[in-house]
C-alpha atoms as a PDB file:
ATOM      1  CA  MET A   1       0.000   0.000   0.000  1.00  0.00           C
ATOM      2  CA  MET A   2       1.353   3.445  -0.900  1.00  0.00           C
ATOM      3  CA  ALA A   3       0.922   6.403   1.381  1.00  0.00           C
ATOM      4  CA  THR A   4      -1.039   9.291  -0.005  1.00  0.00           C
ATOM      5  CA  THR A   5       0.897  12.361  -1.124  1.00  0.00           C
ATOM      6  CA  TRP A   6      -1.098  15.388  -0.049  1.00  0.00           C
ATOM      7  CA  VAL A   7      -1.230  18.719  -1.892  1.00  0.00           C
ATOM      8  CA  LEU A   8      -2.976  21.994  -1.227  1.00  0.00           C
ATOM      9  CA  LEU A   9      -6.007  22.687  -3.368  1.00  0.00           C
ATOM     10  CA  PRO A  10      -7.909  25.921  -2.912  1.00  0.00           C
ATOM     11  CA  VAL A  11     -11.610  25.227  -3.358  1.00  0.00           C
ATOM     12  CA  PRO A  12     -14.677  27.454  -3.244  1.00  0.00           C
ATOM     13  CA  GLN A  13     -16.234  27.458   0.213  1.00  0.00           C
ATOM     14  CA  GLU A  14     -19.552  26.187  -1.149  1.00  0.00           C
ATOM     15  CA  ASP A  15     -17.820  23.093  -2.599  1.00  0.00           C
ATOM     16  CA  TYR A  16     -15.694  22.238   0.435  1.00  0.00           C
ATOM     17  CA  ASP A  17     -18.081  19.832   2.190  1.00  0.00           C
ATOM     18  CA  GLU A  18     -18.779  17.857  -0.984  1.00  0.00           C
ATOM     19  CA  LEU A  19     -15.099  17.591  -1.917  1.00  0.00           C
ATOM     20  CA  ARG A  20     -14.056  16.720   1.651  1.00  0.00           C
ATOM     21  CA  HIS A  21     -16.665  13.920   1.672  1.00  0.00           C
ATOM     22  CA  MET A  22     -15.309  12.592  -1.631  1.00  0.00           C
ATOM     23  CA  VAL A  23     -11.721  12.621  -0.314  1.00  0.00           C
ATOM     24  CA  ASP A  24     -12.782  10.873   2.902  1.00  0.00           C
ATOM     25  CA  PHE A  25     -14.608   8.194   0.897  1.00  0.00           C
ATOM     26  CA  ARG A  26     -11.694   7.592  -1.513  1.00  0.00           C
ATOM     27  CA  GLN A  27      -9.151   7.466   1.307  1.00  0.00           C
ATOM     28  CA  GLN A  28     -11.344   4.940   3.127  1.00  0.00           C
ATOM     29  CA  GLN A  29     -11.397   2.800  -0.047  1.00  0.00           C
ATOM     30  CA  ARG A  30      -7.594   2.930  -0.113  1.00  0.00           C
ATOM     31  CA  GLY A  31      -7.426   1.927   3.536  1.00  0.00           C
ATOM     32  CA  GLU A  32      -5.706   5.168   4.460  1.00  0.00           C
ATOM     33  CA  SER A  33      -6.362   8.033   6.838  1.00  0.00           C
ATOM     34  CA  SER A  34      -8.905  10.562   5.613  1.00  0.00           C
ATOM     35  CA  ALA A  35      -6.767  13.497   6.725  1.00  0.00           C
ATOM     36  CA  PRO A  36      -3.021  14.033   6.404  1.00  0.00           C
ATOM     37  CA  SER A  37      -0.767  13.841   9.420  1.00  0.00           C
ATOM     38  CA  ALA A  38       1.519  16.743  10.290  1.00  0.00           C
ATOM     39  CA  GLU A  39       4.415  14.843   8.684  1.00  0.00           C
ATOM     40  CA  GLU A  40       2.478  14.435   5.440  1.00  0.00           C
ATOM     41  CA  LEU A  41       1.800  18.167   5.320  1.00  0.00           C
ATOM     42  CA  GLN A  42       5.388  19.295   5.532  1.00  0.00           C
ATOM     43  CA  GLY A  43       5.732  22.922   4.620  1.00  0.00           C
ATOM     44  CA  LYS A  44       8.597  22.169   2.252  1.00  0.00           C
ATOM     45  CA  GLN A  45       6.556  19.747   0.142  1.00  0.00           C
ATOM     46  CA  LEU A  46       3.584  22.098   0.046  1.00  0.00           C
ATOM     47  CA  ALA A  47       5.863  24.893  -1.178  1.00  0.00           C
ATOM     48  CA  VAL A  48       7.270  22.608  -3.861  1.00  0.00           C
ATOM     49  CA  ASN A  49       3.788  21.556  -4.977  1.00  0.00           C
ATOM     50  CA  ALA A  50       2.673  25.193  -5.092  1.00  0.00           C
ATOM     51  CA  ALA A  51       5.736  26.180  -7.168  1.00  0.00           C
ATOM     52  CA  LEU A  52       5.108  23.338  -9.619  1.00  0.00           C
ATOM     53  CA  ARG A  53       1.421  24.138  -9.911  1.00  0.00           C
ATOM     54  CA  ALA A  54       2.202  27.837 -10.482  1.00  0.00           C
ATOM     55  CA  ALA A  55       4.747  27.037 -13.211  1.00  0.00           C
ATOM     56  CA  PHE A  56       2.360  24.709 -15.040  1.00  0.00           C
ATOM     57  CA  ASP A  57      -0.618  27.065 -14.624  1.00  0.00           C
ATOM     58  CA  GLU A  58       1.363  30.007 -16.006  1.00  0.00           C
ATOM     59  CA  HIS A  59       2.537  28.202 -19.141  1.00  0.00           C
ATOM     60  CA  LYS A  60       0.660  28.934 -22.357  1.00  0.00           C
ATOM     61  CA  ALA A  61       0.440  26.225 -24.993  1.00  0.00           C
ATOM     62  CA  TRP A  62       2.085  26.978 -28.293  1.00  0.00           C
ATOM     63  CA  PRO A  63       0.034  26.990 -31.489  1.00  0.00           C
ATOM     64  CA  ALA A  64       0.340  23.727 -33.422  1.00  0.00           C
ATOM     65  CA  SER A  65       1.893  25.567 -36.387  1.00  0.00           C
ATOM     66  CA  ALA A  66       4.804  26.804 -34.214  1.00  0.00           C
ATOM     67  CA  LEU A  67       5.264  23.352 -32.699  1.00  0.00           C
ATOM     68  CA  ALA A  68       5.349  21.853 -36.201  1.00  0.00           C
ATOM     69  CA  ARG A  69       8.111  24.291 -37.213  1.00  0.00           C
ATOM     70  CA  LEU A  70      10.048  23.383 -34.082  1.00  0.00           C
ATOM     71  CA  ALA A  71       9.694  19.668 -34.825  1.00  0.00           C
ATOM     72  CA  ALA A  72      10.837  20.185 -38.434  1.00  0.00           C
ATOM     73  CA  SER A  73      13.821  22.372 -37.567  1.00  0.00           C
ATOM     74  CA  THR A  74      17.282  20.841 -37.822  1.00  0.00           C
ATOM     75  CA  THR A  75      19.451  23.105 -35.671  1.00  0.00           C
ATOM     76  CA  ALA A  76      21.215  21.430 -32.757  1.00  0.00           C
ATOM     77  CA  THR A  77      19.165  23.496 -30.316  1.00  0.00           C
ATOM     78  CA  THR A  78      15.778  22.639 -31.824  1.00  0.00           C
ATOM     79  CA  LEU A  79      16.687  18.969 -32.275  1.00  0.00           C
ATOM     80  CA  ARG A  80      17.540  18.798 -28.579  1.00  0.00           C
ATOM     81  CA  PHE A  81      14.361  20.614 -27.582  1.00  0.00           C
ATOM     82  CA  SER A  82      12.330  18.265 -29.778  1.00  0.00           C
ATOM     83  CA  GLN A  83      13.900  15.260 -28.036  1.00  0.00           C
ATOM     84  CA  VAL A  84      12.977  16.695 -24.661  1.00  0.00           C
ATOM     85  CA  MET A  85       9.478  17.579 -25.861  1.00  0.00           C
ATOM     86  CA  ASP A  86       9.073  13.914 -26.881  1.00  0.00           C
ATOM     87  CA  LEU A  87      10.254  12.765 -23.439  1.00  0.00           C
ATOM     88  CA  CYS A  88       8.082  15.194 -21.488  1.00  0.00           C
ATOM     89  CA  SER A  89       5.019  14.546 -23.657  1.00  0.00           C
ATOM     90  CA  GLU A  90       5.013  10.943 -22.495  1.00  0.00           C
ATOM     91  CA  SER A  91       4.373  12.156 -18.915  1.00  0.00           C
ATOM     92  CA  PRO A  92       2.539  15.502 -19.044  1.00  0.00           C
ATOM     93  CA  GLY A  93       2.540  17.287 -15.714  1.00  0.00           C
ATOM     94  CA  SER A  94       5.804  15.669 -14.608  1.00  0.00           C
ATOM     95  CA  VAL A  95       9.144  17.421 -14.487  1.00  0.00           C
ATOM     96  CA  PHE A  96      12.561  16.108 -15.435  1.00  0.00           C
ATOM     97  CA  SER A  97      15.894  17.401 -14.157  1.00  0.00           C
ATOM     98  CA  THR A  98      18.838  18.261 -16.372  1.00  0.00           C
ATOM     99  CA  GLU A  99      20.530  15.024 -15.304  1.00  0.00           C
ATOM    100  CA  GLU A 100      17.393  12.954 -16.006  1.00  0.00           C
ATOM    101  CA  ILE A 101      17.110  14.517 -19.450  1.00  0.00           C
ATOM    102  CA  ALA A 102      20.710  13.642 -20.246  1.00  0.00           C
ATOM    103  CA  GLU A 103      20.217  10.083 -19.019  1.00  0.00           C
ATOM    104  CA  ARG A 104      16.930   9.517 -20.872  1.00  0.00           C
ATOM    105  CA  THR A 105      17.807  11.191 -24.173  1.00  0.00           C
ATOM    106  CA  GLY A 106      21.460  10.285 -24.568  1.00  0.00           C
ATOM    107  CA  MET A 107      22.582  13.888 -24.859  1.00  0.00           C
ATOM    108  CA  SER A 108      25.147  15.170 -22.405  1.00  0.00           C
ATOM    109  CA  VAL A 109      24.303  17.564 -19.592  1.00  0.00           C
ATOM    110  CA  ASN A 110      26.409  20.193 -21.370  1.00  0.00           C
ATOM    111  CA  GLU A 111      24.548  19.680 -24.659  1.00  0.00           C
ATOM    112  CA  TRP A 112      21.204  20.224 -22.922  1.00  0.00           C
ATOM    113  CA  ARG A 113      22.507  23.257 -21.039  1.00  0.00           C
ATOM    114  CA  ALA A 114      23.830  24.725 -24.309  1.00  0.00           C
ATOM    115  CA  ALA A 115      20.406  24.265 -25.903  1.00  0.00           C
ATOM    116  CA  CYS A 116      18.788  26.024 -22.922  1.00  0.00           C
ATOM    117  CA  ARG A 117      21.222  28.943 -23.221  1.00  0.00           C
ATOM    118  CA  LYS A 118      20.582  29.334 -26.958  1.00  0.00           C
ATOM    119  CA  ILE A 119      16.832  28.761 -27.163  1.00  0.00           C
ATOM    120  CA  GLY A 120      15.803  32.302 -26.173  1.00  0.00           C
ATOM    121  CA  ALA A 121      17.567  33.994 -29.091  1.00  0.00           C
ATOM    122  CA  HIS A 122      16.328  31.291 -31.461  1.00  0.00           C
ATOM    123  CA  LEU A 123      12.722  31.777 -30.327  1.00  0.00           C
ATOM    124  CA  ARG A 124      12.932  35.571 -30.624  1.00  0.00           C
ATOM    125  CA  LYS A 125      14.216  35.245 -34.197  1.00  0.00           C
ATOM    126  CA  HIS A 126      12.029  32.425 -35.548  1.00  0.00           C
ATOM    127  CA  TYR A 127       8.860  32.126 -33.421  1.00  0.00           C
ATOM    128  CA  PRO A 128       6.939  35.416 -33.289  1.00  0.00           C
ATOM    129  CA  ASP A 129       3.768  33.347 -32.863  1.00  0.00           C
ATOM    130  CA  ALA A 130       4.983  31.671 -29.663  1.00  0.00           C
ATOM    131  CA  PRO A 131       3.220  32.822 -26.497  1.00  0.00           C
ATOM    132  CA  HIS A 132       5.013  35.587 -24.626  1.00  0.00           C
ATOM    133  CA  TRP A 133       5.618  36.157 -20.936  1.00  0.00           C
ATOM    134  CA  ASP A 134       3.454  38.745 -19.238  1.00  0.00           C
ATOM    135  CA  ARG A 135       5.371  38.980 -15.958  1.00  0.00           C
ATOM    136  CA  GLU A 136       8.629  40.565 -14.902  1.00  0.00           C
ATOM    137  CA  PRO A 137      11.460  40.166 -15.627  1.00  0.00           C
ATOM    138  CA  TYR A 138      10.496  38.334 -18.833  1.00  0.00           C
ATOM    139  CA  ILE A 139       7.679  40.528 -20.198  1.00  0.00           C
ATOM    140  CA  GLY A 140       7.537  40.234 -23.972  1.00  0.00           C
ATOM    141  CA  GLU A 141      10.002  37.344 -24.194  1.00  0.00           C
ATOM    142  CA  PRO A 142       8.793  34.173 -25.930  1.00  0.00           C
ATOM    143  CA  MET A 143       7.869  31.292 -23.644  1.00  0.00           C
ATOM    144  CA  TRP A 144       9.716  28.065 -24.108  1.00  0.00           C
ATOM    145  CA  PRO A 145       7.628  25.188 -25.424  1.00  0.00           C
ATOM    146  CA  LEU A 146       8.517  23.509 -22.105  1.00  0.00           C
ATOM    147  CA  VAL A 147       7.460  24.508 -18.615  1.00  0.00           C
ATOM    148  CA  ASN A 148      10.713  25.301 -16.836  1.00  0.00           C
ATOM    149  CA  ILE A 149      11.436  25.766 -13.171  1.00  0.00           C
ATOM    150  CA  SER A 150      14.606  26.198 -11.178  1.00  0.00           C
ATOM    151  CA  GLY A 151      15.641  23.482  -8.767  1.00  0.00           C
ATOM    152  CA  ARG A 152      15.951  26.183  -6.103  1.00  0.00           C
ATOM    153  CA  ARG A 153      12.182  26.711  -6.284  1.00  0.00           C
ATOM    154  CA  LEU A 154      11.696  22.956  -5.863  1.00  0.00           C
ATOM    155  CA  LYS A 155      14.017  22.810  -2.832  1.00  0.00           C
ATOM    156  CA  VAL A 156      16.374  20.363  -4.568  1.00  0.00           C
ATOM    157  CA  ARG A 157      19.730  20.475  -6.297  1.00  0.00           C
ATOM    158  CA  ASP A 158      20.072  23.526  -8.432  1.00  0.00           C
ATOM    159  CA  GLN A 159      19.282  22.072 -11.812  1.00  0.00           C
ATOM    160  CA  LEU A 160      16.728  23.123 -14.347  1.00  0.00           C
ATOM    161  CA  TYR A 161      13.526  21.068 -14.340  1.00  0.00           C
ATOM    162  CA  VAL A 162      11.240  20.954 -17.375  1.00  0.00           C
ATOM    163  CA  GLY A 163       7.925  19.394 -18.309  1.00  0.00           C
ATOM    164  CA  VAL A 164       4.875  19.976 -20.484  1.00  0.00           C
ATOM    165  CA  THR A 165       1.255  20.667 -19.755  1.00  0.00           C
ATOM    166  CA  GLN A 166      -1.471  18.273 -20.859  1.00  0.00           C
ATOM    167  CA  GLU A 167      -2.503  20.631 -23.661  1.00  0.00           C
ATOM    168  CA  GLN A 168       1.059  21.128 -24.913  1.00  0.00           C
ATOM    169  CA  ALA A 169       1.636  17.351 -24.923  1.00  0.00           C
ATOM    170  CA  LYS A 170      -1.581  16.838 -26.880  1.00  0.00           C
ATOM    171  CA  ARG A 171      -0.563  19.424 -29.474  1.00  0.00           C
ATOM    172  CA  TRP A 172       2.998  18.085 -29.695  1.00  0.00           C
ATOM    173  CA  LYS A 173       1.837  14.509 -30.188  1.00  0.00           C
ATOM    174  CA  SER A 174      -0.593  15.610 -32.891  1.00  0.00           C
ATOM    175  CA  ILE A 175       2.243  16.988 -35.019  1.00  0.00           C
ATOM    176  CA  ARG A 176       4.841  14.259 -34.339  1.00  0.00           C
END
């Protein structure tokens, strides 16, 4: 039996009782406690979950036409991003560290880091139709096709973590 991993979920007050009842029922079916213990609600894990949720919620899916151009491009940077898009699209909502990406794709850590350093200029030049950031300090800059989040925000080793949203994975798979 696996222990439940608890996350914060803001809900409208009028829905709380119904949702709480559903959680209690499902936890009972699993043979687990209906409420998390203090250990299960560690502040660190809640902060990590909130940072992940914020990063995924903020990401805007690219139009399929821009994704198709990315997939067809043959620069080293876009080939590497396409490989990582393939990897992440198999598990939308999950994040992969720089080291995991290197291990799973066969590219070196330095190759992936080089692609990450170069992608911004490439996107500015070739992807005017990519969604743009609307928050400081990135206002007006094109969003990556990947959700990206610093390891510092996830309270782990300082690597870059990337993933894709459900919608981005759906669009990517439709053009691959």
